[in-house]
Amino acid sequence: MAVHFLHTSDWHLGQFFHNHDREFEHAQFLNWLLEQIKQKQPNALLIAGDIFDVINPASGAQKQLYQFLADAHETAPYMQTLMIAGNHDSGYRIEQVEPLLEKFNAKAVGVIGRQSENTLDLDRLLIPIYDAENRIVAWCLTLPYLRSAEITGLNEHTTNNQNAIAYLHQQLIREAKERKQPDQALILMSHAHMQGGETSDSERPIIVGNEEALSTALFDDVIDYVALGHLHKPQQVGQPHIRYSGSPIPLSFSEINYKHQVVQVKIDPQLNDNQRFQFEALTIPRTVGLVRIREELVNLIETIKALPSGEIEQLCARDFLEIEYTTDAPPPVDLRQQIELALPANRYRLLRISRVYQKQNTEDAQASKIDLEPPTPASLFETIWSKMGYEPDASVQRDFQQLLAEAQQDLDEKQA
């Protein structure tokens, strides 16, 4: 029996981009996704973590999710929606509304859970996927973002994060093998940073022990498809069946050239290896543009005047604009005013103006940015080291990210 599902992740509902909310863009994406569900009628929709942008999402972001789930259930009554928590989500929060989710044929797995002090609750992590005739066509192994407190200290195999994660995968896959019938597929959904994955600057780093990323060797060959979340660029990792779907909208200017997509997957376990797995990338239309200008100051105003014009009535639908300029002389004091006057009316949202200082006899450049967003811990760390005249090596960066991840985990657990 074949299983047909859609793989998506990293919605980051409720995100603010330079103090502008993304509700309009998310609404457009969700409407598009509903149309795909209507046309394709899949067995399941997989959302691989970071559903929300923060662990305490605003009511508007929560309303977007639950209204979508209601609309999706009405559009495809037999489709299951399976969600896991990412590192931006509160696992306990997304599980608290389980009675509501059941009405929409949806399920959220936010935490690993234990049957006893020394035993993992594997049963809650293995979710059957049914077809319209109520036959099990696949099993989904759901692995939300793995927090150290949830998985370490069980036994001699879980003394630290690294061996605890390996042990969890081994136990879960072993249990799935025992349940699987020959005509059923195995799908593993995980929110993690895998070795070889290409990152952007908008992902909160996930550090596991002293390692930045997990190995795909964790995935047994019996797994038909690995649906990953966390990295925002759509990509395969090692093999075609191990994939990040990526985020549905660009979450920073580093994602300006990403081809955002939802992955449509079909698996027929009874076919041979070359035919059993098929996938198609469904390109998500970008409803709000990201525009970046990099120009010398002497040419800047004319370049801005040459931007595409045409008013966009709704502020939330106007393109985002970032400007970087170079100059050896001090810029005019009224530069921002000149830029705003040169911009085509009611078309762009000017987010940032950056001056790039060209250093003599070197290719390095340093940007001085006028930015409305507060600095991040990582950017402050790099700035302090730079002012001291040092460049932190890989081990220093790794130690800092480890401390940052532990602090974020403590904060998440206190706020959950």
Protein backbone atom coordinates (compact mmCIF):
# COMPACT_ATOMS: atom_id res chain seq x y z
CA MET A 1 0.00 0.00 0.00
CA ALA A 2 1.39 3.38 -0.96
CA VAL A 3 1.50 6.34 1.41
CA HIS A 4 1.28 9.93 0.17
CA PHE A 5 2.22 12.88 2.39
CA LEU A 6 3.42 16.48 2.42
CA HIS A 7 6.54 17.51 4.35
CA THR A 8 6.89 21.06 5.66
CA SER A 9 8.60 22.72 8.62
CA ASP A 10 9.84 25.91 10.26
CA TRP A 11 6.73 28.02 9.84
CA HIS A 12 7.80 30.39 12.63
CA LEU A 13 4.28 31.75 13.01
CA GLY A 14 4.34 35.06 14.86
CA GLN A 15 7.78 36.11 13.63
CA PHE A 16 8.67 39.81 13.57
CA PHE A 17 11.14 40.95 10.91
CA HIS A 18 12.80 44.24 11.86
CA ASN A 19 9.65 45.06 13.89
CA HIS A 20 7.29 44.13 11.03
CA ASP A 21 4.98 41.16 11.61
CA ARG A 22 4.75 38.40 8.98
CA GLU A 23 1.06 37.56 9.48
CA PHE A 24 0.14 38.49 5.90
CA GLU A 25 2.88 36.31 4.38
CA HIS A 26 2.03 33.37 6.61
CA ALA A 27 -1.66 33.73 5.73
CA GLN A 28 -0.80 33.63 2.02
CA PHE A 29 1.34 30.53 2.53
CA LEU A 30 -1.34 28.73 4.52
CA ASN A 31 -3.98 29.52 1.89
CA TRP A 32 -1.64 28.13 -0.78
CA LEU A 33 -1.01 25.01 1.32
CA LEU A 34 -4.74 24.47 1.75
CA GLU A 35 -5.11 24.52 -2.03
CA GLN A 36 -2.36 21.89 -2.37
CA ILE A 37 -4.12 19.72 0.20
CA LYS A 38 -7.42 20.14 -1.63
CA GLN A 39 -5.91 19.08 -4.95
CA LYS A 40 -3.67 16.25 -3.74
CA GLN A 41 -5.63 14.79 -0.78
CA PRO A 42 -2.57 13.30 0.96
CA ASN A 43 -2.71 10.76 3.75
CA ALA A 44 -0.74 13.05 6.04
CA LEU A 45 0.78 16.49 6.51
CA LEU A 46 4.06 16.50 8.46
CA ILE A 47 5.20 19.70 10.20
CA ALA A 48 8.77 19.10 11.40
CA GLY A 49 9.06 21.66 14.20
CA ASP A 50 9.42 25.38 14.84
CA ILE A 51 5.72 25.85 14.28
CA PHE A 52 5.91 29.10 16.23
CA ASP A 53 8.73 31.62 16.39
CA VAL A 54 8.78 31.85 20.20
CA ILE A 55 7.81 29.49 23.00
CA ASN A 56 5.06 31.85 24.18
CA PRO A 57 3.40 32.75 20.85
CA ALA A 58 0.95 35.62 20.57
CA SER A 59 -2.73 34.81 20.30
CA GLY A 60 -2.73 35.83 16.62
CA ALA A 61 -0.07 33.22 15.79
CA GLN A 62 -1.95 30.52 17.67
CA LYS A 63 -5.18 31.47 15.91
CA GLN A 64 -3.45 31.12 12.53
CA LEU A 65 -2.37 27.57 13.35
CA TYR A 66 -5.67 26.32 14.74
CA GLN A 67 -7.74 27.97 12.02
CA PHE A 68 -5.51 26.30 9.45
CA LEU A 69 -5.94 22.90 11.12
CA ALA A 70 -9.72 23.34 11.10
CA ASP A 71 -9.71 24.37 7.43
CA ALA A 72 -7.35 21.52 6.48
CA HIS A 73 -9.57 18.96 8.19
CA GLU A 74 -12.60 20.31 6.35
CA THR A 75 -10.70 20.21 3.05
CA ALA A 76 -9.28 16.69 3.53
CA PRO A 77 -11.16 14.86 6.33
CA TYR A 78 -9.03 11.70 6.09
CA MET A 79 -5.69 13.54 6.22
CA GLN A 80 -3.72 13.40 9.46
CA THR A 81 -1.63 16.38 10.52
CA LEU A 82 1.41 15.34 12.56
CA MET A 83 3.52 18.00 14.28
CA ILE A 84 6.64 17.97 16.44
CA ALA A 85 8.12 20.72 18.59
CA GLY A 86 11.24 22.51 17.42
CA ASN A 87 13.78 24.42 19.49
CA HIS A 88 11.63 27.58 19.13
CA ASP A 89 8.53 25.81 20.44
CA SER A 90 7.36 24.85 23.91
CA GLY A 91 6.80 21.11 23.68
CA TYR A 92 4.43 21.14 26.62
CA ARG A 93 2.40 24.00 25.18
CA ILE A 94 1.72 22.38 21.81
CA GLU A 95 0.66 19.15 23.54
CA GLN A 96 -1.72 20.88 25.97
CA VAL A 97 -4.41 21.32 23.33
CA GLU A 98 -4.59 17.61 22.44
CA PRO A 99 -8.42 17.42 22.76
CA LEU A 100 -8.72 20.26 20.26
CA LEU A 101 -6.20 18.69 17.88
CA GLU A 102 -8.09 15.38 17.91
CA LYS A 103 -11.15 17.14 16.46
CA PHE A 104 -9.01 18.12 13.46
CA ASN A 105 -7.39 14.67 13.06
CA ALA A 106 -4.11 16.22 14.23
CA LYS A 107 -1.43 15.12 16.66
CA ALA A 108 1.42 17.05 18.31
CA VAL A 109 4.48 15.48 19.92
CA GLY A 110 6.32 18.05 21.96
CA VAL A 111 8.39 16.04 24.44
CA ILE A 112 9.86 12.54 24.57
CA GLY A 113 8.29 11.40 27.82
CA ARG A 114 9.09 8.44 30.06
CA GLN A 115 7.03 5.42 31.09
CA SER A 116 9.07 5.26 34.27
CA GLU A 117 12.19 6.82 35.67
CA ASN A 118 14.42 4.55 33.59
CA THR A 119 12.21 3.80 30.59
CA LEU A 120 11.39 5.92 27.53
CA ASP A 121 7.78 6.10 26.39
CA LEU A 122 8.32 4.90 22.83
CA ASP A 123 4.65 4.24 22.20
CA ARG A 124 3.76 7.94 22.10
CA LEU A 125 6.51 8.54 19.51
CA LEU A 126 5.20 5.95 17.02
CA ILE A 127 2.13 7.21 15.20
CA PRO A 128 0.29 5.14 12.57
CA ILE A 129 -0.76 6.83 9.32
CA TYR A 130 -3.99 5.55 7.78
CA ASP A 131 -5.51 5.59 4.32
CA ALA A 132 -9.15 6.40 3.52
CA GLU A 133 -10.10 2.75 4.23
CA ASN A 134 -8.60 3.03 7.74
CA ARG A 135 -5.69 0.73 6.90
CA ILE A 136 -2.24 1.52 8.31
CA VAL A 137 -0.02 2.49 5.38
CA ALA A 138 2.93 3.88 7.36
CA TRP A 139 4.40 4.51 10.78
CA CYS A 140 5.78 7.94 11.66
CA LEU A 141 8.64 8.00 14.16
CA THR A 142 8.33 11.44 15.75
CA LEU A 143 11.38 13.02 17.38
CA PRO A 144 10.86 16.59 18.62
CA TYR A 145 13.80 18.79 19.54
CA LEU A 146 15.76 16.70 22.04
CA ARG A 147 16.47 18.43 25.32
CA SER A 148 19.16 16.96 27.54
CA ALA A 149 16.93 16.67 30.62
CA GLU A 150 14.46 14.48 28.74
CA ILE A 151 16.84 11.83 27.41
CA THR A 152 19.94 11.59 29.64
CA GLY A 153 20.35 9.66 32.87
CA LEU A 154 18.10 6.73 31.96
CA ASN A 155 20.84 4.08 32.08
CA GLU A 156 24.47 3.43 31.20
CA HIS A 157 23.66 4.14 27.52
CA THR A 158 22.44 7.70 28.18
CA THR A 159 25.19 9.33 30.23
CA ASN A 160 25.48 12.31 27.87
CA ASN A 161 23.55 13.91 25.02
CA GLN A 162 25.47 12.22 22.24
CA ASN A 163 25.06 8.61 23.36
CA ALA A 164 21.52 9.31 24.63
CA ILE A 165 20.45 10.47 21.17
CA ALA A 166 22.01 7.40 19.55
CA TYR A 167 20.29 5.14 22.09
CA LEU A 168 16.91 6.84 21.54
CA HIS A 169 17.15 6.38 17.76
CA GLN A 170 18.17 2.74 18.14
CA GLN A 171 15.33 1.92 20.53
CA LEU A 172 12.69 3.77 18.53
CA ILE A 173 13.72 2.24 15.20
CA ARG A 174 13.84 -1.23 16.76
CA GLU A 175 10.29 -0.80 18.08
CA ALA A 176 9.13 0.47 14.68
CA LYS A 177 10.61 -2.56 12.92
CA GLU A 178 8.62 -4.85 15.19
CA ARG A 179 5.35 -3.10 14.34
CA LYS A 180 5.96 -2.59 10.63
CA GLN A 181 4.27 -4.91 8.13
CA PRO A 182 5.85 -5.55 4.71
CA ASP A 183 3.36 -3.26 2.95
CA GLN A 184 3.88 -0.36 5.40
CA ALA A 185 6.43 2.45 5.17
CA LEU A 186 8.57 3.93 7.95
CA ILE A 187 8.91 7.72 8.11
CA LEU A 188 11.11 9.46 10.67
CA MET A 189 10.34 13.12 11.48
CA SER A 190 12.99 15.01 13.44
CA HIS A 191 13.97 18.56 14.35
CA ALA A 192 17.76 18.57 14.36
CA HIS A 193 20.90 19.96 12.75
CA MET A 194 22.44 17.24 10.60
CA GLN A 195 26.05 17.10 9.50
CA GLY A 196 26.42 18.50 6.00
CA GLY A 197 23.34 20.72 6.20
CA GLU A 198 23.67 24.27 4.88
CA THR A 199 22.58 26.92 7.37
CA SER A 200 21.40 30.54 7.19
CA ASP A 201 21.91 33.27 9.80
CA SER A 202 18.30 33.08 11.05
CA GLU A 203 18.48 29.66 12.72
CA ARG A 204 19.04 29.50 16.45
CA PRO A 205 22.04 27.15 16.81
CA ILE A 206 21.35 23.67 18.19
CA ILE A 207 24.34 22.27 20.03
CA VAL A 208 24.34 18.63 21.08
CA GLY A 209 27.05 18.01 23.69
CA ASN A 210 30.20 19.33 22.07
CA GLU A 211 29.03 18.55 18.55
CA GLU A 212 27.21 20.96 16.29
CA ALA A 213 25.36 18.40 14.21
CA LEU A 214 24.11 14.83 14.15
CA SER A 215 25.18 12.12 11.75
CA THR A 216 22.79 10.55 9.25
CA ALA A 217 24.25 7.21 10.41
CA LEU A 218 21.56 7.42 13.12
CA PHE A 219 19.00 6.51 10.48
CA ASP A 220 18.70 2.80 9.80
CA ASP A 221 18.36 1.70 6.16
CA VAL A 222 14.85 0.49 6.96
CA ILE A 223 13.67 4.11 7.18
CA ASP A 224 11.97 5.06 3.90
CA TYR A 225 12.02 8.84 4.41
CA VAL A 226 13.49 11.28 6.94
CA ALA A 227 11.48 14.52 7.25
CA LEU A 228 13.77 17.09 8.85
CA GLY A 229 13.18 20.51 10.35
CA HIS A 230 15.45 23.28 11.70
CA LEU A 231 17.51 24.35 8.67
CA HIS A 232 15.64 26.85 6.51
CA LYS A 233 17.17 25.99 3.15
CA PRO A 234 15.43 23.13 1.27
CA GLN A 235 18.06 20.43 0.79
CA GLN A 236 18.86 16.77 0.93
CA VAL A 237 21.46 15.54 3.40
CA GLY A 238 23.58 12.74 2.01
CA GLN A 239 20.78 10.80 0.36
CA PRO A 240 17.63 11.89 -1.54
CA HIS A 241 15.29 10.45 1.08
CA ILE A 242 16.83 12.49 3.93
CA ARG A 243 15.56 16.03 3.42
CA TYR A 244 14.92 19.43 4.94
CA SER A 245 11.77 20.96 3.48
CA GLY A 246 12.97 24.40 4.61
CA SER A 247 10.96 27.39 5.80
CA PRO A 248 7.94 28.56 3.77
CA ILE A 249 9.00 32.24 3.79
CA PRO A 250 12.45 33.88 4.00
CA LEU A 251 13.19 34.61 7.65
CA SER A 252 16.25 36.79 6.98
CA PHE A 253 18.06 38.39 4.05
CA SER A 254 20.47 35.46 4.04
CA GLU A 255 17.52 33.44 2.65
CA ILE A 256 16.81 35.89 -0.18
CA ASN A 257 17.63 33.33 -2.90
CA TYR A 258 16.06 30.26 -1.28
CA LYS A 259 13.50 28.35 -3.33
CA HIS A 260 10.96 27.80 -0.58
CA GLN A 261 8.94 24.64 -0.96
CA VAL A 262 6.81 21.88 0.48
CA VAL A 263 7.98 18.35 -0.37
CA GLN A 264 5.37 15.96 -1.74
CA VAL A 265 6.39 12.36 -1.06
CA LYS A 266 4.96 9.04 -2.24
CA ILE A 267 6.27 5.70 -0.96
CA ASP A 268 5.22 2.23 -2.06
CA PRO A 269 7.12 -0.29 0.11
CA GLN A 270 6.24 -3.16 -2.21
CA LEU A 271 8.22 -1.72 -5.13
CA ASN A 272 11.97 -2.08 -5.58
CA ASP A 273 14.44 0.45 -4.19
CA ASN A 274 14.58 2.56 -7.36
CA GLN A 275 10.81 2.95 -7.63
CA ARG A 276 9.44 2.82 -4.09
CA PHE A 277 10.31 6.45 -3.24
CA GLN A 278 9.14 9.46 -5.27
CA PHE A 279 9.18 13.12 -4.32
CA GLU A 280 8.31 16.46 -5.88
CA ALA A 281 9.22 19.92 -4.65
CA LEU A 282 6.12 22.14 -4.64
CA THR A 283 7.40 25.71 -4.99
CA ILE A 284 5.77 28.20 -2.62
CA PRO A 285 4.97 31.57 -4.23
CA ARG A 286 6.76 34.48 -2.55
CA THR A 287 4.16 37.13 -1.83
CA VAL A 288 6.46 39.79 -0.36
CA GLY A 289 9.80 40.52 -2.01
CA LEU A 290 13.18 40.97 -0.35
CA VAL A 291 15.28 43.61 -2.14
CA ARG A 292 18.93 44.30 -1.33
CA ILE A 293 20.93 47.18 -2.84
CA ARG A 294 24.74 47.17 -2.65
CA GLU A 295 26.14 50.31 -4.26
CA GLU A 296 28.77 53.02 -4.03
CA LEU A 297 27.43 56.15 -2.39
CA VAL A 298 27.92 58.29 -5.50
CA ASN A 299 25.54 56.04 -7.44
CA LEU A 300 23.18 55.13 -4.61
CA ILE A 301 20.37 57.62 -5.12
CA GLU A 302 20.11 56.96 -8.85
CA THR A 303 20.04 53.21 -8.22
CA ILE A 304 17.21 53.68 -5.72
CA LYS A 305 15.23 55.84 -8.16
CA ALA A 306 15.55 53.05 -10.74
CA LEU A 307 13.86 50.46 -8.50
CA PRO A 308 10.59 49.00 -9.80
CA SER A 309 7.70 51.30 -8.94
CA GLY A 310 3.97 50.83 -8.59
CA GLU A 311 2.16 51.36 -5.32
CA ILE A 312 1.18 48.46 -3.08
CA GLU A 313 -1.82 49.53 -1.06
CA GLN A 314 -1.38 47.27 1.98
CA LEU A 315 1.66 48.05 4.09
CA CYS A 316 1.98 44.37 5.07
CA ALA A 317 2.33 43.40 1.39
CA ARG A 318 5.11 45.87 0.50
CA ASP A 319 8.60 44.62 -0.29
CA PHE A 320 11.34 44.66 2.33
CA LEU A 321 14.40 46.75 1.40
CA GLU A 322 17.96 46.64 2.74
CA ILE A 323 20.64 49.09 1.57
CA GLU A 324 24.42 48.76 1.83
CA TYR A 325 26.71 51.49 0.47
CA THR A 326 30.43 52.14 0.30
CA THR A 327 32.21 55.48 0.50
CA ASP A 328 35.62 56.81 1.49
CA ALA A 329 34.16 60.15 2.56
CA PRO A 330 31.70 60.80 5.39
CA PRO A 331 28.10 60.42 4.16
CA PRO A 332 25.79 63.46 4.14
CA VAL A 333 23.89 63.97 7.38
CA ASP A 334 20.58 63.86 5.53
CA LEU A 335 21.34 60.61 3.66
CA ARG A 336 18.36 58.74 5.07
CA GLN A 337 16.06 61.59 4.05
CA GLN A 338 17.52 61.56 0.53
CA ILE A 339 16.97 57.82 0.31
CA GLU A 340 13.37 58.02 1.49
CA LEU A 341 12.60 60.80 -1.03
CA ALA A 342 14.17 58.77 -3.86
CA LEU A 343 12.20 55.61 -3.10
CA PRO A 344 9.14 54.90 -5.27
CA ALA A 345 6.10 55.84 -3.23
CA ASN A 346 4.26 53.19 -1.18
CA ARG A 347 6.22 50.26 -2.57
CA TYR A 348 8.95 49.39 -0.06
CA ARG A 349 9.56 49.02 3.65
CA LEU A 350 13.05 50.35 4.35
CA LEU A 351 14.54 48.12 7.05
CA ARG A 352 18.21 48.96 7.24
CA ILE A 353 20.92 51.22 5.87
CA SER A 354 24.50 49.94 6.21
CA ARG A 355 27.77 51.68 5.47
CA VAL A 356 30.57 49.32 4.43
CA TYR A 357 34.06 50.63 5.24
CA GLN A 358 36.64 49.49 2.69
CA LYS A 359 39.97 48.78 4.34
CA GLN A 360 43.11 49.61 2.36
CA ASN A 361 45.28 46.71 1.10
CA THR A 362 42.76 44.11 2.22
CA GLU A 363 39.61 42.52 0.93
CA ASP A 364 37.97 42.65 4.36
CA ALA A 365 35.08 45.01 4.95
CA GLN A 366 33.25 46.01 8.07
CA ALA A 367 29.63 47.12 8.04
CA SER A 368 28.29 49.81 10.35
CA LYS A 369 24.58 49.22 10.47
CA ILE A 370 21.61 51.35 11.33
CA ASP A 371 19.33 48.60 12.54
CA LEU A 372 16.13 48.65 14.52
CA GLU A 373 16.58 45.08 15.73
CA PRO A 374 18.34 44.47 19.08
CA PRO A 375 21.74 42.74 18.93
CA THR A 376 21.86 38.98 19.44
CA PRO A 377 24.17 37.29 21.97
CA ALA A 378 26.19 35.87 19.07
CA SER A 379 26.64 39.28 17.42
CA LEU A 380 27.65 40.89 20.74
CA PHE A 381 30.16 38.10 21.33
CA GLU A 382 31.73 38.61 17.91
CA THR A 383 31.79 42.41 18.33
CA ILE A 384 33.55 42.23 21.70
CA TRP A 385 36.19 39.85 20.38
CA SER A 386 36.71 42.03 17.32
CA LYS A 387 37.19 45.17 19.44
CA MET A 388 39.79 43.30 21.48
CA GLY A 389 41.63 42.55 18.25
CA TYR A 390 40.97 38.81 18.28
CA GLU A 391 39.11 36.42 16.03
CA PRO A 392 37.57 33.52 18.00
CA ASP A 393 38.64 30.12 16.70
CA ALA A 394 36.33 27.15 16.20
CA SER A 395 36.77 25.81 19.75
CA VAL A 396 35.92 29.19 21.31
CA GLN A 397 32.86 29.53 19.08
CA ARG A 398 31.77 26.00 19.98
CA ASP A 399 32.16 26.64 23.73
CA PHE A 400 30.20 29.88 23.46
CA GLN A 401 27.39 28.24 21.49
CA GLN A 402 27.26 25.43 24.07
CA LEU A 403 26.85 27.97 26.89
CA LEU A 404 24.25 29.85 24.87
CA ALA A 405 22.28 26.67 24.16
CA GLU A 406 22.34 25.69 27.84
CA ALA A 407 21.14 29.16 28.86
CA GLN A 408 18.36 29.04 26.25
CA GLN A 409 17.33 25.57 27.42
CA ASP A 410 17.15 26.75 31.06
CA LEU A 411 15.04 29.73 29.96
CA ASP A 412 12.74 27.55 27.86
CA GLU A 413 12.18 25.11 30.73
CA LYS A 414 11.39 27.92 33.17
CA GLN A 415 8.92 29.55 30.80
CA ALA A 416 7.25 26.32 29.60
